[in-house]
Amino acid sequence: QMLSVDGSLTGYENLFLFAKLYDIPSK
């Protein structure tokens, strides 16, 4: 329910950061 994205980042940056948390390779 609570906000789970960072308002100071772009939408793309939020997704890319989250992917790193799951050890998804950069490409």
PDB file of all heavy atoms in Angstrom:
ATOM      1  N   GLN A   1       0.832  -1.202   0.000  1.00  0.00           N
ATOM      2  CA  GLN A   1       0.000   0.000   0.000  1.00  0.00           C
ATOM      3  C   GLN A   1       0.867   1.252   0.000  1.00  0.00           C
ATOM      4  O   GLN A   1       0.574   2.227  -0.685  1.00  0.00           O
ATOM      5  CB  GLN A   1      -0.909   0.027   1.230  1.00  0.00           C
ATOM      6  CG  GLN A   1      -2.021  -1.002   1.227  1.00  0.00           C
ATOM      7  CD  GLN A   1      -2.932  -0.836   2.428  1.00  0.00           C
ATOM      8  OE1 GLN A   1      -3.268   0.270   2.826  1.00  0.00           O
ATOM      9  NE2 GLN A   1      -3.338  -1.947   3.019  1.00  0.00           N
ATOM     10  N   MET A   2       1.931   1.226   0.797  1.00  0.00           N
ATOM     11  CA  MET A   2       2.804   2.382   0.915  1.00  0.00           C
ATOM     12  C   MET A   2       3.655   2.538  -0.341  1.00  0.00           C
ATOM     13  O   MET A   2       3.925   1.565  -1.057  1.00  0.00           O
ATOM     14  CB  MET A   2       3.710   2.242   2.140  1.00  0.00           C
ATOM     15  CG  MET A   2       2.956   2.064   3.445  1.00  0.00           C
ATOM     16  SD  MET A   2       1.905   3.482   3.846  1.00  0.00           S
ATOM     17  CE  MET A   2       3.147   4.710   4.224  1.00  0.00           C
ATOM     18  N   LEU A   3       4.097   3.764  -0.606  1.00  0.00           N
ATOM     19  CA  LEU A   3       4.903   4.065  -1.779  1.00  0.00           C
ATOM     20  C   LEU A   3       6.170   3.216  -1.787  1.00  0.00           C
ATOM     21  O   LEU A   3       6.882   3.146  -0.786  1.00  0.00           O
ATOM     22  CB  LEU A   3       5.269   5.557  -1.776  1.00  0.00           C
ATOM     23  CG  LEU A   3       5.944   6.099  -3.036  1.00  0.00           C
ATOM     24  CD1 LEU A   3       4.961   6.122  -4.191  1.00  0.00           C
ATOM     25  CD2 LEU A   3       6.476   7.508  -2.778  1.00  0.00           C
ATOM     26  N   SER A   4       6.461   2.573  -2.915  1.00  0.00           N
ATOM     27  CA  SER A   4       7.630   1.695  -2.987  1.00  0.00           C
ATOM     28  C   SER A   4       8.599   2.090  -4.100  1.00  0.00           C
ATOM     29  O   SER A   4       9.476   1.304  -4.474  1.00  0.00           O
ATOM     30  CB  SER A   4       7.183   0.242  -3.181  1.00  0.00           C
ATOM     31  OG  SER A   4       6.443   0.089  -4.375  1.00  0.00           O
ATOM     32  N   VAL A   5       8.435   3.292  -4.647  1.00  0.00           N
ATOM     33  CA  VAL A   5       9.382   3.821  -5.626  1.00  0.00           C
ATOM     34  C   VAL A   5       9.941   5.141  -5.111  1.00  0.00           C
ATOM     35  O   VAL A   5       9.360   5.775  -4.237  1.00  0.00           O
ATOM     36  CB  VAL A   5       8.728   4.014  -7.015  1.00  0.00           C
ATOM     37  CG1 VAL A   5       8.453   2.679  -7.677  1.00  0.00           C
ATOM     38  CG2 VAL A   5       7.438   4.825  -6.918  1.00  0.00           C
ATOM     39  N   ASP A   6      11.076   5.543  -5.671  1.00  0.00           N
ATOM     40  CA  ASP A   6      11.790   6.742  -5.222  1.00  0.00           C
ATOM     41  C   ASP A   6      11.405   7.926  -6.107  1.00  0.00           C
ATOM     42  O   ASP A   6      11.700   7.941  -7.303  1.00  0.00           O
ATOM     43  CB  ASP A   6      13.296   6.490  -5.288  1.00  0.00           C
ATOM     44  CG  ASP A   6      14.109   7.579  -4.610  1.00  0.00           C
ATOM     45  OD1 ASP A   6      13.631   8.728  -4.543  1.00  0.00           O
ATOM     46  OD2 ASP A   6      15.233   7.289  -4.166  1.00  0.00           O
ATOM     47  N   GLY A   7      10.770   8.923  -5.518  1.00  0.00           N
ATOM     48  CA  GLY A   7      10.314  10.080  -6.278  1.00  0.00           C
ATOM     49  C   GLY A   7      11.430  10.937  -6.831  1.00  0.00           C
ATOM     50  O   GLY A   7      11.223  11.721  -7.765  1.00  0.00           O
ATOM     51  N   SER A   8      12.639  10.809  -6.278  1.00  0.00           N
ATOM     52  CA  SER A   8      13.770  11.618  -6.739  1.00  0.00           C
ATOM     53  C   SER A   8      14.499  10.985  -7.919  1.00  0.00           C
ATOM     54  O   SER A   8      15.448  11.560  -8.456  1.00  0.00           O
ATOM     55  CB  SER A   8      14.762  11.840  -5.592  1.00  0.00           C
ATOM     56  OG  SER A   8      15.359  10.615  -5.194  1.00  0.00           O
ATOM     57  N   LEU A   9      14.039   9.775  -8.332  1.00  0.00           N
ATOM     58  CA  LEU A   9      14.602   9.101  -9.499  1.00  0.00           C
ATOM     59  C   LEU A   9      13.584   9.076 -10.628  1.00  0.00           C
ATOM     60  O   LEU A   9      12.383   9.260 -10.405  1.00  0.00           O
ATOM     61  CB  LEU A   9      14.995   7.665  -9.142  1.00  0.00           C
ATOM     62  CG  LEU A   9      16.012   7.457  -8.031  1.00  0.00           C
ATOM     63  CD1 LEU A   9      16.221   5.973  -7.774  1.00  0.00           C
ATOM     64  CD2 LEU A   9      17.341   8.131  -8.368  1.00  0.00           C
ATOM     65  N   THR A  10      14.049   8.844 -11.829  1.00  0.00           N
ATOM     66  CA  THR A  10      13.131   8.681 -12.948  1.00  0.00           C
ATOM     67  C   THR A  10      12.506   7.286 -12.897  1.00  0.00           C
ATOM     68  O   THR A  10      12.970   6.410 -12.155  1.00  0.00           O
ATOM     69  CB  THR A  10      13.861   8.840 -14.294  1.00  0.00           C
ATOM     70  OG1 THR A  10      14.777   7.745 -14.457  1.00  0.00           O
ATOM     71  CG2 THR A  10      14.621  10.153 -14.355  1.00  0.00           C
ATOM     72  N   GLY A  11      11.486   7.099 -13.705  1.00  0.00           N
ATOM     73  CA  GLY A  11      10.874   5.779 -13.761  1.00  0.00           C
ATOM     74  C   GLY A  11      11.865   4.727 -14.197  1.00  0.00           C
ATOM     75  O   GLY A  11      11.957   3.648 -13.600  1.00  0.00           O
ATOM     76  N   TYR A  12      12.646   5.028 -15.221  1.00  0.00           N
ATOM     77  CA  TYR A  12      13.638   4.078 -15.714  1.00  0.00           C
ATOM     78  C   TYR A  12      14.683   3.782 -14.640  1.00  0.00           C
ATOM     79  O   TYR A  12      15.069   2.622 -14.435  1.00  0.00           O
ATOM     80  CB  TYR A  12      14.312   4.630 -16.969  1.00  0.00           C
ATOM     81  CG  TYR A  12      15.342   3.696 -17.546  1.00  0.00           C
ATOM     82  CD1 TYR A  12      14.974   2.641 -18.376  1.00  0.00           C
ATOM     83  CD2 TYR A  12      16.687   3.854 -17.244  1.00  0.00           C
ATOM     84  CE1 TYR A  12      15.915   1.769 -18.890  1.00  0.00           C
ATOM     85  CE2 TYR A  12      17.639   2.988 -17.756  1.00  0.00           C
ATOM     86  CZ  TYR A  12      17.255   1.950 -18.576  1.00  0.00           C
ATOM     87  OH  TYR A  12      18.196   1.087 -19.062  1.00  0.00           O
ATOM     88  N   GLU A  13      15.156   4.814 -13.930  1.00  0.00           N
ATOM     89  CA  GLU A  13      16.167   4.616 -12.886  1.00  0.00           C
ATOM     90  C   GLU A  13      15.646   3.730 -11.759  1.00  0.00           C
ATOM     91  O   GLU A  13      16.382   2.903 -11.218  1.00  0.00           O
ATOM     92  CB  GLU A  13      16.624   5.968 -12.342  1.00  0.00           C
ATOM     93  CG  GLU A  13      17.489   6.761 -13.318  1.00  0.00           C
ATOM     94  CD  GLU A  13      17.710   8.199 -12.865  1.00  0.00           C
ATOM     95  OE1 GLU A  13      16.920   8.695 -12.022  1.00  0.00           O
ATOM     96  OE2 GLU A  13      18.657   8.827 -13.380  1.00  0.00           O
ATOM     97  N   ASN A  14      14.382   3.900 -11.401  1.00  0.00           N
ATOM     98  CA  ASN A  14      13.795   3.051 -10.376  1.00  0.00           C
ATOM     99  C   ASN A  14      13.827   1.583 -10.793  1.00  0.00           C
ATOM    100  O   ASN A  14      14.189   0.708  -9.996  1.00  0.00           O
ATOM    101  CB  ASN A  14      12.346   3.473 -10.104  1.00  0.00           C
ATOM    102  CG  ASN A  14      12.216   4.483  -8.988  1.00  0.00           C
ATOM    103  OD1 ASN A  14      12.269   4.148  -7.810  1.00  0.00           O
ATOM    104  ND2 ASN A  14      12.041   5.739  -9.361  1.00  0.00           N
ATOM    105  N   LEU A  15      13.467   1.313 -12.043  1.00  0.00           N
ATOM    106  CA  LEU A  15      13.448  -0.061 -12.512  1.00  0.00           C
ATOM    107  C   LEU A  15      14.850  -0.658 -12.573  1.00  0.00           C
ATOM    108  O   LEU A  15      15.072  -1.804 -12.175  1.00  0.00           O
ATOM    109  CB  LEU A  15      12.791  -0.135 -13.892  1.00  0.00           C
ATOM    110  CG  LEU A  15      11.308   0.227 -13.966  1.00  0.00           C
ATOM    111  CD1 LEU A  15      10.801   0.080 -15.392  1.00  0.00           C
ATOM    112  CD2 LEU A  15      10.485  -0.627 -13.030  1.00  0.00           C
ATOM    113  N   PHE A  16      15.796   0.140 -13.049  1.00  0.00           N
ATOM    114  CA  PHE A  16      17.164  -0.356 -13.177  1.00  0.00           C
ATOM    115  C   PHE A  16      17.769  -0.656 -11.805  1.00  0.00           C
ATOM    116  O   PHE A  16      18.447  -1.665 -11.608  1.00  0.00           O
ATOM    117  CB  PHE A  16      18.027   0.664 -13.925  1.00  0.00           C
ATOM    118  CG  PHE A  16      19.369   0.125 -14.338  1.00  0.00           C
ATOM    119  CD1 PHE A  16      19.468  -0.852 -15.316  1.00  0.00           C
ATOM    120  CD2 PHE A  16      20.527   0.589 -13.745  1.00  0.00           C
ATOM    121  CE1 PHE A  16      20.696  -1.359 -15.698  1.00  0.00           C
ATOM    122  CE2 PHE A  16      21.767   0.084 -14.110  1.00  0.00           C
ATOM    123  CZ  PHE A  16      21.852  -0.886 -15.098  1.00  0.00           C
ATOM    124  N   LEU A  17      17.488   0.206 -10.830  1.00  0.00           N
ATOM    125  CA  LEU A  17      17.982  -0.006  -9.470  1.00  0.00           C
ATOM    126  C   LEU A  17      17.384  -1.278  -8.865  1.00  0.00           C
ATOM    127  O   LEU A  17      18.086  -2.072  -8.225  1.00  0.00           O
ATOM    128  CB  LEU A  17      17.639   1.205  -8.598  1.00  0.00           C
ATOM    129  CG  LEU A  17      18.035   1.123  -7.121  1.00  0.00           C
ATOM    130  CD1 LEU A  17      19.546   0.996  -6.969  1.00  0.00           C
ATOM    131  CD2 LEU A  17      17.541   2.366  -6.379  1.00  0.00           C
ATOM    132  N   PHE A  18      16.090  -1.473  -9.083  1.00  0.00           N
ATOM    133  CA  PHE A  18      15.425  -2.673  -8.548  1.00  0.00           C
ATOM    134  C   PHE A  18      16.001  -3.931  -9.170  1.00  0.00           C
ATOM    135  O   PHE A  18      16.195  -4.942  -8.485  1.00  0.00           O
ATOM    136  CB  PHE A  18      13.921  -2.585  -8.812  1.00  0.00           C
ATOM    137  CG  PHE A  18      13.114  -3.642  -8.114  1.00  0.00           C
ATOM    138  CD1 PHE A  18      12.697  -3.467  -6.806  1.00  0.00           C
ATOM    139  CD2 PHE A  18      12.754  -4.817  -8.766  1.00  0.00           C
ATOM    140  CE1 PHE A  18      11.949  -4.449  -6.153  1.00  0.00           C
ATOM    141  CE2 PHE A  18      12.007  -5.796  -8.131  1.00  0.00           C
ATOM    142  CZ  PHE A  18      11.606  -5.613  -6.810  1.00  0.00           C
ATOM    143  N   ALA A  19      16.285  -3.880 -10.463  1.00  0.00           N
ATOM    144  CA  ALA A  19      16.867  -5.036 -11.152  1.00  0.00           C
ATOM    145  C   ALA A  19      18.210  -5.419 -10.532  1.00  0.00           C
ATOM    146  O   ALA A  19      18.541  -6.600 -10.408  1.00  0.00           O
ATOM    147  CB  ALA A  19      17.035  -4.739 -12.636  1.00  0.00           C
ATOM    148  N   LYS A  20      18.982  -4.431 -10.120  1.00  0.00           N
ATOM    149  CA  LYS A  20      20.275  -4.700  -9.492  1.00  0.00           C
ATOM    150  C   LYS A  20      20.099  -5.456  -8.175  1.00  0.00           C
ATOM    151  O   LYS A  20      20.925  -6.300  -7.813  1.00  0.00           O
ATOM    152  CB  LYS A  20      21.030  -3.396  -9.260  1.00  0.00           C
ATOM    153  CG  LYS A  20      21.731  -2.840 -10.493  1.00  0.00           C
ATOM    154  CD  LYS A  20      22.563  -1.632 -10.147  1.00  0.00           C
ATOM    155  CE  LYS A  20      23.467  -1.246 -11.310  1.00  0.00           C
ATOM    156  NZ  LYS A  20      24.522  -2.257 -11.568  1.00  0.00           N
ATOM    157  N   LEU A  21      19.022  -5.143  -7.449  1.00  0.00           N
ATOM    158  CA  LEU A  21      18.770  -5.826  -6.181  1.00  0.00           C
ATOM    159  C   LEU A  21      18.550  -7.323  -6.385  1.00  0.00           C
ATOM    160  O   LEU A  21      18.776  -8.120  -5.470  1.00  0.00           O
ATOM    161  CB  LEU A  21      17.552  -5.205  -5.485  1.00  0.00           C
ATOM    162  CG  LEU A  21      17.687  -3.741  -5.051  1.00  0.00           C
ATOM    163  CD1 LEU A  21      16.379  -3.243  -4.446  1.00  0.00           C
ATOM    164  CD2 LEU A  21      18.827  -3.574  -4.045  1.00  0.00           C
ATOM    165  N   TYR A  22      18.104  -7.692  -7.573  1.00  0.00           N
ATOM    166  CA  TYR A  22      17.877  -9.103  -7.895  1.00  0.00           C
ATOM    167  C   TYR A  22      19.022  -9.689  -8.722  1.00  0.00           C
ATOM    168  O   TYR A  22      18.879 -10.761  -9.313  1.00  0.00           O
ATOM    169  CB  TYR A  22      16.547  -9.275  -8.632  1.00  0.00           C
ATOM    170  CG  TYR A  22      15.374  -9.369  -7.676  1.00  0.00           C
ATOM    171  CD1 TYR A  22      14.744  -8.230  -7.208  1.00  0.00           C
ATOM    172  CD2 TYR A  22      14.917 -10.609  -7.217  1.00  0.00           C
ATOM    173  CE1 TYR A  22      13.682  -8.314  -6.307  1.00  0.00           C
ATOM    174  CE2 TYR A  22      13.863 -10.710  -6.334  1.00  0.00           C
ATOM    175  CZ  TYR A  22      13.248  -9.560  -5.878  1.00  0.00           C
ATOM    176  OH  TYR A  22      12.201  -9.644  -4.982  1.00  0.00           O
ATOM    177  N   ASP A  23      20.148  -8.963  -8.747  1.00  0.00           N
ATOM    178  CA  ASP A  23      21.360  -9.441  -9.436  1.00  0.00           C
ATOM    179  C   ASP A  23      21.119  -9.745 -10.911  1.00  0.00           C
ATOM    180  O   ASP A  23      21.748 -10.643 -11.488  1.00  0.00           O
ATOM    181  CB  ASP A  23      21.911 -10.707  -8.741  1.00  0.00           C
ATOM    182  CG  ASP A  23      22.303 -10.442  -7.295  1.00  0.00           C
ATOM    183  OD1 ASP A  23      22.843  -9.351  -7.020  1.00  0.00           O
ATOM    184  OD2 ASP A  23      22.052 -11.312  -6.439  1.00  0.00           O
ATOM    185  N   ILE A  24      20.208  -8.994 -11.513  1.00  0.00           N
ATOM    186  CA  ILE A  24      19.992  -9.136 -12.951  1.00  0.00           C
ATOM    187  C   ILE A  24      21.125  -8.401 -13.659  1.00  0.00           C
ATOM    188  O   ILE A  24      21.366  -7.223 -13.386  1.00  0.00           O
ATOM    189  CB  ILE A  24      18.626  -8.556 -13.367  1.00  0.00           C
ATOM    190  CG1 ILE A  24      17.498  -9.301 -12.640  1.00  0.00           C
ATOM    191  CG2 ILE A  24      18.432  -8.648 -14.878  1.00  0.00           C
ATOM    192  CD1 ILE A  24      16.117  -8.678 -12.845  1.00  0.00           C
ATOM    193  N   PRO A  25      21.867  -9.049 -14.551  1.00  0.00           N
ATOM    194  CA  PRO A  25      22.989  -8.396 -15.248  1.00  0.00           C
ATOM    195  C   PRO A  25      22.552  -7.110 -15.939  1.00  0.00           C
ATOM    196  O   PRO A  25      21.410  -6.997 -16.396  1.00  0.00           O
ATOM    197  CB  PRO A  25      23.437  -9.454 -16.259  1.00  0.00           C
ATOM    198  CG  PRO A  25      22.979 -10.757 -15.682  1.00  0.00           C
ATOM    199  CD  PRO A  25      21.699 -10.452 -14.957  1.00  0.00           C
ATOM    200  N   SER A  26      23.460  -6.141 -16.023  1.00  0.00           N
ATOM    201  CA  SER A  26      23.120  -4.797 -16.516  1.00  0.00           C
ATOM    202  C   SER A  26      22.462  -4.814 -17.890  1.00  0.00           C
ATOM    203  O   SER A  26      21.459  -4.130 -18.124  1.00  0.00           O
ATOM    204  CB  SER A  26      24.382  -3.924 -16.565  1.00  0.00           C
ATOM    205  OG  SER A  26      24.867  -3.694 -15.270  1.00  0.00           O
ATOM    206  N   LYS A  27      23.015  -5.599 -18.817  1.00  0.00           N
ATOM    207  CA  LYS A  27      22.449  -5.640 -20.165  1.00  0.00           C
ATOM    208  C   LYS A  27      21.020  -6.163 -20.137  1.00  0.00           C
ATOM    209  O   LYS A  27      20.111  -5.603 -20.771  1.00  0.00           O
ATOM    210  CB  LYS A  27      23.316  -6.515 -21.065  1.00  0.00           C
ATOM    211  CG  LYS A  27      22.847  -6.543 -22.510  1.00  0.00           C
ATOM    212  CD  LYS A  27      23.796  -7.369 -23.368  1.00  0.00           C
ATOM    213  CE  LYS A  27      23.320  -7.403 -24.825  1.00  0.00           C
ATOM    214  NZ  LYS A  27      24.241  -8.226 -25.669  1.00  0.00           N
TER     215      LYS A  27
END
